Amino acid sequence: MLVIPWKQLPIENLTMVTEFLLLGFSDLQEMQFVLFAVILCLYLLILSGNITIITTVRLEHSLHTPMYFFLAVLSFSETFYTFTILPKMLLNLLSVLRTISFISCATQMFFFLGFAINNSLLLGLMGYDRFTAICYPLRYPVLMSWGICKLMAATCAVTGFVISLVSIFLVFSLPFCNSNRINHYFCDVAPVIHLACGDFSINEMIIFIFGVVVLIVPLTLICISYGFIVRTILKIPSTEGKKKAFSTCASHLTVVVVHYGCASFVYLRPSSKYTFSKDRLVTVTYTVITPLLNPLVYSLRNKDVQMAIRKVINWRGLSPKNI
């Protein structure tokens, strides 16, 4: 079979793409309304959970520590992360025409990648915070001062959106002609770049390297940090002290395992091996379940957050006794 590079094709034989068609869950037509109801409920839980975390950390003085500062920033980031995907996804579940313009697709991918990378880097920072708190408690106020915390959070955001901007350029600088059917429910990198005409292997390789940097590097640092944390905790003489130290890390570790596990499975492989039908469950996990996991894990497992939520509710006069 003779393959002609797109640059050698006559212009009149090319139909340049101006909009994309999101196939989404079109193979589950009979379950569209059920999926809409389930995802809508999960989305409302994500919004309410993250808003609760942000509000509680903001209002409760006892949570004004680096650990909960990063938690609030992560909740804020995940709120907008889901906002870039789920509203359009819900709308498409009720629509016959599931189109998205070329510019809207690029915009959605830009914000999705920016917030996703930011979340990954923030989880790495939270691991470093636990490392300094447990291994260097006397130097903790200096190592994690408010100025340093704000600078690190800002660096995560800037890094995330700079990498996202470069990735968007690598994807959408390619020519898109003829096929416009995205086998996904949002504009993700792999299904979009796979529609490009011509050779996109170099672009894909650079994006893959970005994926390694923003996933493997923070995860490696987290693993090293927890290696030192475990060694320090085992030196604590009292059982109660060990239990308390481990409990402060359990919530973070739970979110880390799910987040990096799902993201690595999808992004740390070539797009040629991407199949929506096989990867759909994993994709839904990192776009719907993972953002829900963060507020649930920290509110259900963390006693400090539970007590702070109760104090905020009582302070606002929302206690059942006052209603």
C-alpha atoms as a PDB file:
ATOM      1  CA  MET A   1       0.000   0.000   0.000  1.00  0.00           C
ATOM      2  CA  LEU A   2       1.432   3.364  -1.054  1.00  0.00           C
ATOM      3  CA  VAL A   3       1.259   6.045   1.631  1.00  0.00           C
ATOM      4  CA  ILE A   4       1.553   9.620   0.379  1.00  0.00           C
ATOM      5  CA  PRO A   5       2.669  12.268   2.907  1.00  0.00           C
ATOM      6  CA  TRP A   6      -0.036  14.863   3.462  1.00  0.00           C
ATOM      7  CA  LYS A   7       2.213  17.694   2.172  1.00  0.00           C
ATOM      8  CA  GLN A   8       2.376  15.980  -1.219  1.00  0.00           C
ATOM      9  CA  LEU A   9      -1.379  15.727  -1.583  1.00  0.00           C
ATOM     10  CA  PRO A  10      -3.135  18.335  -3.705  1.00  0.00           C
ATOM     11  CA  ILE A  11      -4.904  20.949  -1.556  1.00  0.00           C
ATOM     12  CA  GLU A  12      -8.213  20.255  -3.301  1.00  0.00           C
ATOM     13  CA  ASN A  13      -8.069  16.615  -2.144  1.00  0.00           C
ATOM     14  CA  LEU A  14      -7.854  17.620   1.546  1.00  0.00           C
ATOM     15  CA  THR A  15     -10.880  18.397   3.673  1.00  0.00           C
ATOM     16  CA  MET A  16      -9.539  20.304   6.651  1.00  0.00           C
ATOM     17  CA  VAL A  17     -11.307  19.617   9.944  1.00  0.00           C
ATOM     18  CA  THR A  18     -13.132  22.565  11.540  1.00  0.00           C
ATOM     19  CA  GLU A  19     -14.956  20.580  14.218  1.00  0.00           C
ATOM     20  CA  PHE A  20     -14.780  17.165  15.858  1.00  0.00           C
ATOM     21  CA  LEU A  21     -17.416  14.582  16.687  1.00  0.00           C
ATOM     22  CA  LEU A  22     -17.132  13.095  20.188  1.00  0.00           C
ATOM     23  CA  LEU A  23     -18.319   9.494  19.979  1.00  0.00           C
ATOM     24  CA  GLY A  24     -18.353   9.140  23.766  1.00  0.00           C
ATOM     25  CA  PHE A  25     -20.633   6.345  24.908  1.00  0.00           C
ATOM     26  CA  SER A  26     -22.462   6.029  21.580  1.00  0.00           C
ATOM     27  CA  ASP A  27     -22.156   2.232  21.785  1.00  0.00           C
ATOM     28  CA  LEU A  28     -24.307   2.296  24.954  1.00  0.00           C
ATOM     29  CA  GLN A  29     -27.346   4.087  23.551  1.00  0.00           C
ATOM     30  CA  GLU A  30     -29.805   2.241  25.775  1.00  0.00           C
ATOM     31  CA  MET A  31     -27.917   3.372  28.898  1.00  0.00           C
ATOM     32  CA  GLN A  32     -27.472   7.071  28.054  1.00  0.00           C
ATOM     33  CA  PHE A  33     -29.991   8.319  30.644  1.00  0.00           C
ATOM     34  CA  VAL A  34     -28.670   5.955  33.322  1.00  0.00           C
ATOM     35  CA  LEU A  35     -25.102   7.146  32.671  1.00  0.00           C
ATOM     36  CA  PHE A  36     -26.278  10.756  32.754  1.00  0.00           C
ATOM     37  CA  ALA A  37     -27.943  10.273  36.154  1.00  0.00           C
ATOM     38  CA  VAL A  38     -24.954   8.440  37.653  1.00  0.00           C
ATOM     39  CA  ILE A  39     -22.326  10.872  36.372  1.00  0.00           C
ATOM     40  CA  LEU A  40     -24.444  13.897  37.349  1.00  0.00           C
ATOM     41  CA  CYS A  41     -24.722  12.585  40.920  1.00  0.00           C
ATOM     42  CA  LEU A  42     -20.978  11.923  41.057  1.00  0.00           C
ATOM     43  CA  TYR A  43     -20.256  15.396  39.659  1.00  0.00           C
ATOM     44  CA  LEU A  44     -22.443  17.039  42.289  1.00  0.00           C
ATOM     45  CA  LEU A  45     -20.646  15.019  44.969  1.00  0.00           C
ATOM     46  CA  ILE A  46     -17.271  16.151  43.568  1.00  0.00           C
ATOM     47  CA  LEU A  47     -18.343  19.805  43.632  1.00  0.00           C
ATOM     48  CA  SER A  48     -19.875  19.648  47.100  1.00  0.00           C
ATOM     49  CA  GLY A  49     -16.947  17.656  48.537  1.00  0.00           C
ATOM     50  CA  ASN A  50     -14.242  19.921  47.155  1.00  0.00           C
ATOM     51  CA  ILE A  51     -16.120  23.100  48.061  1.00  0.00           C
ATOM     52  CA  THR A  52     -16.541  21.743  51.594  1.00  0.00           C
ATOM     53  CA  ILE A  53     -12.791  21.079  51.850  1.00  0.00           C
ATOM     54  CA  ILE A  54     -11.875  24.526  50.502  1.00  0.00           C
ATOM     55  CA  THR A  55     -14.369  26.324  52.759  1.00  0.00           C
ATOM     56  CA  THR A  56     -13.398  24.365  55.866  1.00  0.00           C
ATOM     57  CA  VAL A  57      -9.663  24.928  55.381  1.00  0.00           C
ATOM     58  CA  ARG A  58     -10.296  28.612  54.706  1.00  0.00           C
ATOM     59  CA  LEU A  59     -12.492  29.202  57.774  1.00  0.00           C
ATOM     60  CA  GLU A  60     -11.001  26.868  60.382  1.00  0.00           C
ATOM     61  CA  HIS A  61      -7.827  28.306  61.892  1.00  0.00           C
ATOM     62  CA  SER A  62      -6.600  24.918  63.135  1.00  0.00           C
ATOM     63  CA  LEU A  63      -6.244  23.783  59.516  1.00  0.00           C
ATOM     64  CA  HIS A  64      -4.023  26.702  58.538  1.00  0.00           C
ATOM     65  CA  THR A  65      -1.016  24.433  58.036  1.00  0.00           C
ATOM     66  CA  PRO A  66       0.952  23.540  54.870  1.00  0.00           C
ATOM     67  CA  MET A  67      -0.657  20.083  54.692  1.00  0.00           C
ATOM     68  CA  TYR A  68      -4.198  21.436  54.513  1.00  0.00           C
ATOM     69  CA  PHE A  69      -3.136  24.415  52.400  1.00  0.00           C
ATOM     70  CA  PHE A  70      -1.990  21.995  49.681  1.00  0.00           C
ATOM     71  CA  LEU A  71      -5.167  19.966  50.196  1.00  0.00           C
ATOM     72  CA  ALA A  72      -7.307  23.073  49.602  1.00  0.00           C
ATOM     73  CA  VAL A  73      -5.268  24.001  46.510  1.00  0.00           C
ATOM     74  CA  LEU A  74      -5.659  20.436  45.211  1.00  0.00           C
ATOM     75  CA  SER A  75      -9.437  20.584  45.781  1.00  0.00           C
ATOM     76  CA  PHE A  76      -9.586  23.923  43.960  1.00  0.00           C
ATOM     77  CA  SER A  77      -7.608  22.495  41.032  1.00  0.00           C
ATOM     78  CA  GLU A  78      -9.727  19.342  40.820  1.00  0.00           C
ATOM     79  CA  THR A  79     -12.935  21.399  40.843  1.00  0.00           C
ATOM     80  CA  PHE A  80     -11.852  23.154  37.639  1.00  0.00           C
ATOM     81  CA  TYR A  81     -10.302  19.945  36.286  1.00  0.00           C
ATOM     82  CA  THR A  82     -13.692  18.242  36.296  1.00  0.00           C
ATOM     83  CA  PHE A  83     -15.419  21.419  35.071  1.00  0.00           C
ATOM     84  CA  THR A  84     -13.457  21.204  31.809  1.00  0.00           C
ATOM     85  CA  ILE A  85     -14.783  17.697  31.082  1.00  0.00           C
ATOM     86  CA  LEU A  86     -17.967  16.663  32.886  1.00  0.00           C
ATOM     87  CA  PRO A  87     -20.469  19.420  31.882  1.00  0.00           C
ATOM     88  CA  LYS A  88     -19.763  18.781  28.174  1.00  0.00           C
ATOM     89  CA  MET A  89     -19.862  15.048  28.799  1.00  0.00           C
ATOM     90  CA  LEU A  90     -23.267  15.317  30.501  1.00  0.00           C
ATOM     91  CA  LEU A  91     -24.599  17.487  27.694  1.00  0.00           C
ATOM     92  CA  ASN A  92     -23.446  14.988  25.064  1.00  0.00           C
ATOM     93  CA  LEU A  93     -25.179  12.127  26.872  1.00  0.00           C
ATOM     94  CA  LEU A  94     -28.492  13.909  26.202  1.00  0.00           C
ATOM     95  CA  SER A  95     -27.600  15.133  22.699  1.00  0.00           C
ATOM     96  CA  VAL A  96     -27.813  13.502  19.318  1.00  0.00           C
ATOM     97  CA  LEU A  97     -25.217  15.833  17.792  1.00  0.00           C
ATOM     98  CA  ARG A  98     -22.016  15.564  19.867  1.00  0.00           C
ATOM     99  CA  THR A  99     -19.791  18.029  18.059  1.00  0.00           C
ATOM    100  CA  ILE A 100     -17.091  20.291  19.438  1.00  0.00           C
ATOM    101  CA  SER A 101     -15.324  23.014  17.463  1.00  0.00           C
ATOM    102  CA  PHE A 102     -11.611  22.861  16.685  1.00  0.00           C
ATOM    103  CA  ILE A 103     -10.874  25.810  19.010  1.00  0.00           C
ATOM    104  CA  SER A 104     -13.088  24.440  21.807  1.00  0.00           C
ATOM    105  CA  CYS A 105     -11.354  21.071  21.568  1.00  0.00           C
ATOM    106  CA  ALA A 106      -7.919  22.702  21.883  1.00  0.00           C
ATOM    107  CA  THR A 107      -9.155  24.844  24.784  1.00  0.00           C
ATOM    108  CA  GLN A 108     -10.601  21.841  26.612  1.00  0.00           C
ATOM    109  CA  MET A 109      -7.379  19.887  26.184  1.00  0.00           C
ATOM    110  CA  PHE A 110      -5.296  22.853  27.373  1.00  0.00           C
ATOM    111  CA  PHE A 111      -7.193  23.276  30.653  1.00  0.00           C
ATOM    112  CA  PHE A 112      -7.572  19.527  31.200  1.00  0.00           C
ATOM    113  CA  LEU A 113      -3.826  18.919  30.843  1.00  0.00           C
ATOM    114  CA  GLY A 114      -2.917  22.034  32.830  1.00  0.00           C
ATOM    115  CA  PHE A 115      -5.019  21.099  35.845  1.00  0.00           C
ATOM    116  CA  ALA A 116      -4.127  17.383  35.552  1.00  0.00           C
ATOM    117  CA  ILE A 117      -0.375  18.128  35.611  1.00  0.00           C
ATOM    118  CA  ASN A 118      -0.906  20.605  38.442  1.00  0.00           C
ATOM    119  CA  ASN A 119      -2.700  17.898  40.455  1.00  0.00           C
ATOM    120  CA  SER A 120       0.122  15.433  39.862  1.00  0.00           C
ATOM    121  CA  LEU A 121       2.766  17.913  41.017  1.00  0.00           C
ATOM    122  CA  LEU A 122       0.684  18.954  44.042  1.00  0.00           C
ATOM    123  CA  LEU A 123       0.473  15.342  45.202  1.00  0.00           C
ATOM    124  CA  GLY A 124       4.268  15.247  45.012  1.00  0.00           C
ATOM    125  CA  LEU A 125       4.454  18.390  47.158  1.00  0.00           C
ATOM    126  CA  MET A 126       2.093  16.858  49.697  1.00  0.00           C
ATOM    127  CA  GLY A 127       4.459  13.881  49.947  1.00  0.00           C
ATOM    128  CA  TYR A 128       7.379  16.234  50.534  1.00  0.00           C
ATOM    129  CA  ASP A 129       5.333  18.045  53.199  1.00  0.00           C
ATOM    130  CA  ARG A 130       4.751  14.784  55.081  1.00  0.00           C
ATOM    131  CA  PHE A 131       8.455  13.931  54.730  1.00  0.00           C
ATOM    132  CA  THR A 132       9.611  17.200  56.286  1.00  0.00           C
ATOM    133  CA  ALA A 133       6.927  17.097  59.019  1.00  0.00           C
ATOM    134  CA  ILE A 134       7.838  13.599  60.202  1.00  0.00           C
ATOM    135  CA  CYS A 135      11.555  13.397  59.471  1.00  0.00           C
ATOM    136  CA  TYR A 136      12.528  16.993  60.322  1.00  0.00           C
ATOM    137  CA  PRO A 137       9.870  18.254  62.765  1.00  0.00           C
ATOM    138  CA  LEU A 138      12.138  20.917  64.334  1.00  0.00           C
ATOM    139  CA  ARG A 139      13.046  22.422  60.966  1.00  0.00           C
ATOM    140  CA  TYR A 140       9.516  22.032  59.557  1.00  0.00           C
ATOM    141  CA  PRO A 141       8.391  25.658  60.192  1.00  0.00           C
ATOM    142  CA  VAL A 142      11.409  26.916  58.238  1.00  0.00           C
ATOM    143  CA  LEU A 143      11.356  24.325  55.435  1.00  0.00           C
ATOM    144  CA  MET A 144       7.609  24.774  54.905  1.00  0.00           C
ATOM    145  CA  SER A 145       7.053  28.450  55.664  1.00  0.00           C
ATOM    146  CA  TRP A 146       4.013  30.131  54.117  1.00  0.00           C
ATOM    147  CA  GLY A 147       6.180  31.953  51.600  1.00  0.00           C
ATOM    148  CA  ILE A 148       7.770  28.693  50.439  1.00  0.00           C
ATOM    149  CA  CYS A 149       4.391  26.889  50.314  1.00  0.00           C
ATOM    150  CA  LYS A 150       2.805  29.577  48.154  1.00  0.00           C
ATOM    151  CA  LEU A 151       5.841  29.662  45.872  1.00  0.00           C
ATOM    152  CA  MET A 152       5.768  25.866  45.408  1.00  0.00           C
ATOM    153  CA  ALA A 153       2.009  25.871  44.716  1.00  0.00           C
ATOM    154  CA  ALA A 154       2.425  28.664  42.142  1.00  0.00           C
ATOM    155  CA  THR A 155       5.334  26.800  40.534  1.00  0.00           C
ATOM    156  CA  CYS A 156       3.156  23.698  40.137  1.00  0.00           C
ATOM    157  CA  ALA A 157       0.427  25.713  38.414  1.00  0.00           C
ATOM    158  CA  VAL A 158       2.814  27.561  36.086  1.00  0.00           C
ATOM    159  CA  THR A 159       4.690  24.357  35.215  1.00  0.00           C
ATOM    160  CA  GLY A 160       1.433  22.529  34.518  1.00  0.00           C
ATOM    161  CA  PHE A 161       0.078  25.108  32.114  1.00  0.00           C
ATOM    162  CA  VAL A 162       3.410  25.717  30.361  1.00  0.00           C
ATOM    163  CA  ILE A 163       3.735  21.983  29.631  1.00  0.00           C
ATOM    164  CA  SER A 164       0.074  21.946  28.608  1.00  0.00           C
ATOM    165  CA  LEU A 165       0.606  24.857  26.212  1.00  0.00           C
ATOM    166  CA  VAL A 166       3.570  23.139  24.549  1.00  0.00           C
ATOM    167  CA  SER A 167       1.588  19.874  24.296  1.00  0.00           C
ATOM    168  CA  ILE A 168      -1.354  21.676  22.692  1.00  0.00           C
ATOM    169  CA  PHE A 169       0.981  23.208  20.125  1.00  0.00           C
ATOM    170  CA  LEU A 170       2.478  19.776  19.358  1.00  0.00           C
ATOM    171  CA  VAL A 171      -0.995  18.286  18.819  1.00  0.00           C
ATOM    172  CA  PHE A 172      -2.843  21.044  16.996  1.00  0.00           C
ATOM    173  CA  SER A 173       0.051  22.210  14.807  1.00  0.00           C
ATOM    174  CA  LEU A 174      -0.483  18.930  12.958  1.00  0.00           C
ATOM    175  CA  PRO A 175      -2.860  18.908   9.973  1.00  0.00           C
ATOM    176  CA  PHE A 176      -6.285  17.358  10.537  1.00  0.00           C
ATOM    177  CA  CYS A 177      -8.065  16.304   7.376  1.00  0.00           C
ATOM    178  CA  ASN A 178     -11.037  14.102   6.530  1.00  0.00           C
ATOM    179  CA  SER A 179     -11.610  12.099   9.763  1.00  0.00           C
ATOM    180  CA  ASN A 180     -13.031  14.083  12.691  1.00  0.00           C
ATOM    181  CA  ARG A 181     -14.468  11.290  14.852  1.00  0.00           C
ATOM    182  CA  ILE A 182     -12.856  11.320  18.311  1.00  0.00           C
ATOM    183  CA  ASN A 183     -13.334   7.943  19.959  1.00  0.00           C
ATOM    184  CA  HIS A 184     -13.657   9.486  23.407  1.00  0.00           C
ATOM    185  CA  TYR A 185     -16.003  11.642  25.490  1.00  0.00           C
ATOM    186  CA  PHE A 186     -13.585  14.589  25.641  1.00  0.00           C
ATOM    187  CA  CYS A 187     -10.556  15.933  23.743  1.00  0.00           C
ATOM    188  CA  ASP A 188      -7.758  13.853  25.221  1.00  0.00           C
ATOM    189  CA  VAL A 189      -4.295  13.723  23.666  1.00  0.00           C
ATOM    190  CA  ALA A 190      -4.165  10.151  22.337  1.00  0.00           C
ATOM    191  CA  PRO A 191      -7.521   9.984  20.497  1.00  0.00           C
ATOM    192  CA  VAL A 192      -7.049  13.472  19.001  1.00  0.00           C
ATOM    193  CA  ILE A 193      -3.447  13.129  17.816  1.00  0.00           C
ATOM    194  CA  HIS A 194      -4.371   9.787  16.255  1.00  0.00           C
ATOM    195  CA  LEU A 195      -6.632  11.677  13.825  1.00  0.00           C
ATOM    196  CA  ALA A 196      -3.765  13.814  12.496  1.00  0.00           C
ATOM    197  CA  CYS A 197      -2.621  13.402   8.908  1.00  0.00           C
ATOM    198  CA  GLY A 198       0.971  12.451   8.244  1.00  0.00           C
ATOM    199  CA  ASP A 199       3.679  11.401  10.685  1.00  0.00           C
ATOM    200  CA  PHE A 200       3.166  12.500  14.299  1.00  0.00           C
ATOM    201  CA  SER A 201       5.714  10.170  15.940  1.00  0.00           C
ATOM    202  CA  ILE A 202       8.097  12.980  17.011  1.00  0.00           C
ATOM    203  CA  ASN A 203       5.239  15.028  18.498  1.00  0.00           C
ATOM    204  CA  GLU A 204       3.978  11.946  20.301  1.00  0.00           C
ATOM    205  CA  MET A 205       7.431  11.139  21.673  1.00  0.00           C
ATOM    206  CA  ILE A 206       7.868  14.643  23.126  1.00  0.00           C
ATOM    207  CA  ILE A 207       4.419  14.454  24.768  1.00  0.00           C
ATOM    208  CA  PHE A 208       5.327  10.996  26.115  1.00  0.00           C
ATOM    209  CA  ILE A 209       8.492  12.467  27.682  1.00  0.00           C
ATOM    210  CA  PHE A 210       6.329  15.157  29.315  1.00  0.00           C
ATOM    211  CA  GLY A 211       4.156  12.362  30.713  1.00  0.00           C
ATOM    212  CA  VAL A 212       7.189  10.616  32.195  1.00  0.00           C
ATOM    213  CA  VAL A 213       8.367  13.867  33.794  1.00  0.00           C
ATOM    214  CA  VAL A 214       5.021  14.825  35.388  1.00  0.00           C
ATOM    215  CA  LEU A 215       4.105  11.288  36.502  1.00  0.00           C
ATOM    216  CA  ILE A 216       7.222   9.210  37.136  1.00  0.00           C
ATOM    217  CA  VAL A 217       9.399  11.952  38.659  1.00  0.00           C
ATOM    218  CA  PRO A 218       6.860  13.051  41.367  1.00  0.00           C
ATOM    219  CA  LEU A 219       5.930   9.423  42.046  1.00  0.00           C
ATOM    220  CA  THR A 220       9.600   8.491  42.476  1.00  0.00           C
ATOM    221  CA  LEU A 221      10.121  11.374  44.890  1.00  0.00           C
ATOM    222  CA  ILE A 222       7.004  10.322  46.817  1.00  0.00           C
ATOM    223  CA  CYS A 223       8.308   6.744  47.104  1.00  0.00           C
ATOM    224  CA  ILE A 224      11.707   7.975  48.325  1.00  0.00           C
ATOM    225  CA  SER A 225      10.013  10.326  50.807  1.00  0.00           C
ATOM    226  CA  TYR A 226       7.866   7.543  52.225  1.00  0.00           C
ATOM    227  CA  GLY A 227      10.905   5.294  52.494  1.00  0.00           C
ATOM    228  CA  PHE A 228      12.465   7.846  54.870  1.00  0.00           C
ATOM    229  CA  ILE A 229       9.086   8.373  56.573  1.00  0.00           C
ATOM    230  CA  VAL A 230       8.652   4.661  57.311  1.00  0.00           C
ATOM    231  CA  ARG A 231      12.205   4.428  58.650  1.00  0.00           C
ATOM    232  CA  THR A 232      11.589   7.412  60.943  1.00  0.00           C
ATOM    233  CA  ILE A 233       8.224   6.121  62.146  1.00  0.00           C
ATOM    234  CA  LEU A 234       9.668   2.714  63.035  1.00  0.00           C
ATOM    235  CA  LYS A 235      12.075   4.484  65.391  1.00  0.00           C
ATOM    236  CA  ILE A 236       9.178   5.989  67.375  1.00  0.00           C
ATOM    237  CA  PRO A 237       9.053   4.062  70.686  1.00  0.00           C
ATOM    238  CA  SER A 238       5.323   4.239  71.410  1.00  0.00           C
ATOM    239  CA  THR A 239       2.718   2.306  69.420  1.00  0.00           C
ATOM    240  CA  GLU A 240       0.304   5.224  69.684  1.00  0.00           C
ATOM    241  CA  GLY A 241       2.923   7.552  68.191  1.00  0.00           C
ATOM    242  CA  LYS A 242       3.521   5.207  65.269  1.00  0.00           C
ATOM    243  CA  LYS A 243      -0.212   4.877  64.646  1.00  0.00           C
ATOM    244  CA  LYS A 244      -0.714   8.649  64.654  1.00  0.00           C
ATOM    245  CA  ALA A 245       2.209   9.212  62.279  1.00  0.00           C
ATOM    246  CA  PHE A 246       0.975   6.555  59.844  1.00  0.00           C
ATOM    247  CA  SER A 247      -2.588   7.930  59.939  1.00  0.00           C
ATOM    248  CA  THR A 248      -1.416  11.351  58.714  1.00  0.00           C
ATOM    249  CA  CYS A 249      -0.003   9.664  55.597  1.00  0.00           C
ATOM    250  CA  ALA A 250      -2.736   7.115  54.864  1.00  0.00           C
ATOM    251  CA  SER A 251      -5.109   9.545  53.121  1.00  0.00           C
ATOM    252  CA  HIS A 252      -2.386  10.945  50.891  1.00  0.00           C
ATOM    253  CA  LEU A 253      -1.110   7.485  49.955  1.00  0.00           C
ATOM    254  CA  THR A 254      -4.618   6.316  48.988  1.00  0.00           C
ATOM    255  CA  VAL A 255      -5.075   9.237  46.581  1.00  0.00           C
ATOM    256  CA  VAL A 256      -1.521   8.803  45.216  1.00  0.00           C
ATOM    257  CA  VAL A 257      -1.988   5.110  44.361  1.00  0.00           C
ATOM    258  CA  VAL A 258      -5.242   5.674  42.455  1.00  0.00           C
ATOM    259  CA  HIS A 259      -4.147   8.897  40.729  1.00  0.00           C
ATOM    260  CA  TYR A 260      -0.722   7.796  39.504  1.00  0.00           C
ATOM    261  CA  GLY A 261      -1.842   4.242  38.807  1.00  0.00           C
ATOM    262  CA  CYS A 262      -4.674   5.239  36.441  1.00  0.00           C
ATOM    263  CA  ALA A 263      -2.820   8.144  34.821  1.00  0.00           C
ATOM    264  CA  SER A 264       0.306   6.054  34.199  1.00  0.00           C
ATOM    265  CA  PHE A 265      -1.737   3.254  32.610  1.00  0.00           C
ATOM    266  CA  VAL A 266      -3.288   5.659  30.092  1.00  0.00           C
ATOM    267  CA  TYR A 267      -0.507   8.146  29.328  1.00  0.00           C
ATOM    268  CA  LEU A 268       2.737   6.211  29.625  1.00  0.00           C
ATOM    269  CA  ARG A 269       2.290   4.284  26.385  1.00  0.00           C
ATOM    270  CA  PRO A 270       2.111   5.138  22.672  1.00  0.00           C
ATOM    271  CA  SER A 271      -1.226   6.312  21.269  1.00  0.00           C
ATOM    272  CA  SER A 272      -1.080   3.423  18.773  1.00  0.00           C
ATOM    273  CA  LYS A 273      -1.885   1.102  21.684  1.00  0.00           C
ATOM    274  CA  TYR A 274      -4.796   3.232  22.853  1.00  0.00           C
ATOM    275  CA  THR A 275      -8.222   1.584  22.570  1.00  0.00           C
ATOM    276  CA  PHE A 276     -11.204   3.438  23.979  1.00  0.00           C
ATOM    277  CA  SER A 277     -13.341   0.348  24.487  1.00  0.00           C
ATOM    278  CA  LYS A 278     -10.693  -1.304  26.683  1.00  0.00           C
ATOM    279  CA  ASP A 279      -9.514   1.829  28.479  1.00  0.00           C
ATOM    280  CA  ARG A 280     -12.898   3.447  29.127  1.00  0.00           C
ATOM    281  CA  LEU A 281     -13.149   2.232  32.726  1.00  0.00           C
ATOM    282  CA  VAL A 282      -9.681   3.567  33.532  1.00  0.00           C
ATOM    283  CA  THR A 283     -10.460   6.854  31.785  1.00  0.00           C
ATOM    284  CA  VAL A 284     -13.664   7.314  33.783  1.00  0.00           C
ATOM    285  CA  THR A 285     -11.690   6.516  36.927  1.00  0.00           C
ATOM    286  CA  TYR A 286      -9.166   9.331  36.522  1.00  0.00           C
ATOM    287  CA  THR A 287     -11.742  11.876  35.284  1.00  0.00           C
ATOM    288  CA  VAL A 288     -14.599  11.098  37.690  1.00  0.00           C
ATOM    289  CA  ILE A 289     -13.614   8.752  40.521  1.00  0.00           C
ATOM    290  CA  THR A 290     -10.198  10.207  41.379  1.00  0.00           C
ATOM    291  CA  PRO A 291     -11.491  13.800  41.827  1.00  0.00           C
ATOM    292  CA  LEU A 292     -14.224  12.368  44.072  1.00  0.00           C
ATOM    293  CA  LEU A 293     -11.742  10.271  46.033  1.00  0.00           C
ATOM    294  CA  ASN A 294      -9.752  13.233  47.342  1.00  0.00           C
ATOM    295  CA  PRO A 295     -12.520  14.938  49.406  1.00  0.00           C
ATOM    296  CA  LEU A 296     -14.051  11.608  50.443  1.00  0.00           C
ATOM    297  CA  VAL A 297     -10.778  10.134  51.697  1.00  0.00           C
ATOM    298  CA  TYR A 298      -9.698  13.268  53.540  1.00  0.00           C
ATOM    299  CA  SER A 299     -13.153  13.893  55.057  1.00  0.00           C
ATOM    300  CA  LEU A 300     -13.868  10.293  56.037  1.00  0.00           C
ATOM    301  CA  ARG A 301     -10.391   9.268  57.245  1.00  0.00           C
ATOM    302  CA  ASN A 302      -9.029  12.500  58.653  1.00  0.00           C
ATOM    303  CA  LYS A 303     -10.291  13.310  62.160  1.00  0.00           C
ATOM    304  CA  ASP A 304      -8.937  16.874  62.041  1.00  0.00           C
ATOM    305  CA  VAL A 305     -10.990  17.635  58.929  1.00  0.00           C
ATOM    306  CA  GLN A 306     -14.074  15.968  60.422  1.00  0.00           C
ATOM    307  CA  MET A 307     -13.833  18.062  63.581  1.00  0.00           C
ATOM    308  CA  ALA A 308     -13.201  21.237  61.553  1.00  0.00           C
ATOM    309  CA  ILE A 309     -16.267  20.593  59.375  1.00  0.00           C
ATOM    310  CA  ARG A 310     -18.413  20.193  62.496  1.00  0.00           C
ATOM    311  CA  LYS A 311     -17.013  23.417  63.968  1.00  0.00           C
ATOM    312  CA  VAL A 312     -17.697  25.330  60.742  1.00  0.00           C
ATOM    313  CA  ILE A 313     -21.254  23.957  60.566  1.00  0.00           C
ATOM    314  CA  ASN A 314     -21.926  24.910  64.183  1.00  0.00           C
ATOM    315  CA  TRP A 315     -20.288  28.315  63.709  1.00  0.00           C
ATOM    316  CA  ARG A 316     -22.518  28.998  60.718  1.00  0.00           C
ATOM    317  CA  GLY A 317     -25.585  27.972  62.679  1.00  0.00           C
ATOM    318  CA  LEU A 318     -26.261  25.015  60.414  1.00  0.00           C
ATOM    319  CA  SER A 319     -26.308  22.412  63.143  1.00  0.00           C
ATOM    320  CA  PRO A 320     -29.421  20.168  63.108  1.00  0.00           C
ATOM    321  CA  LYS A 321     -30.275  21.594  66.530  1.00  0.00           C
ATOM    322  CA  ASN A 322     -30.478  25.070  65.041  1.00  0.00           C
ATOM    323  CA  ILE A 323     -32.525  24.171  61.993  1.00  0.00           C
END
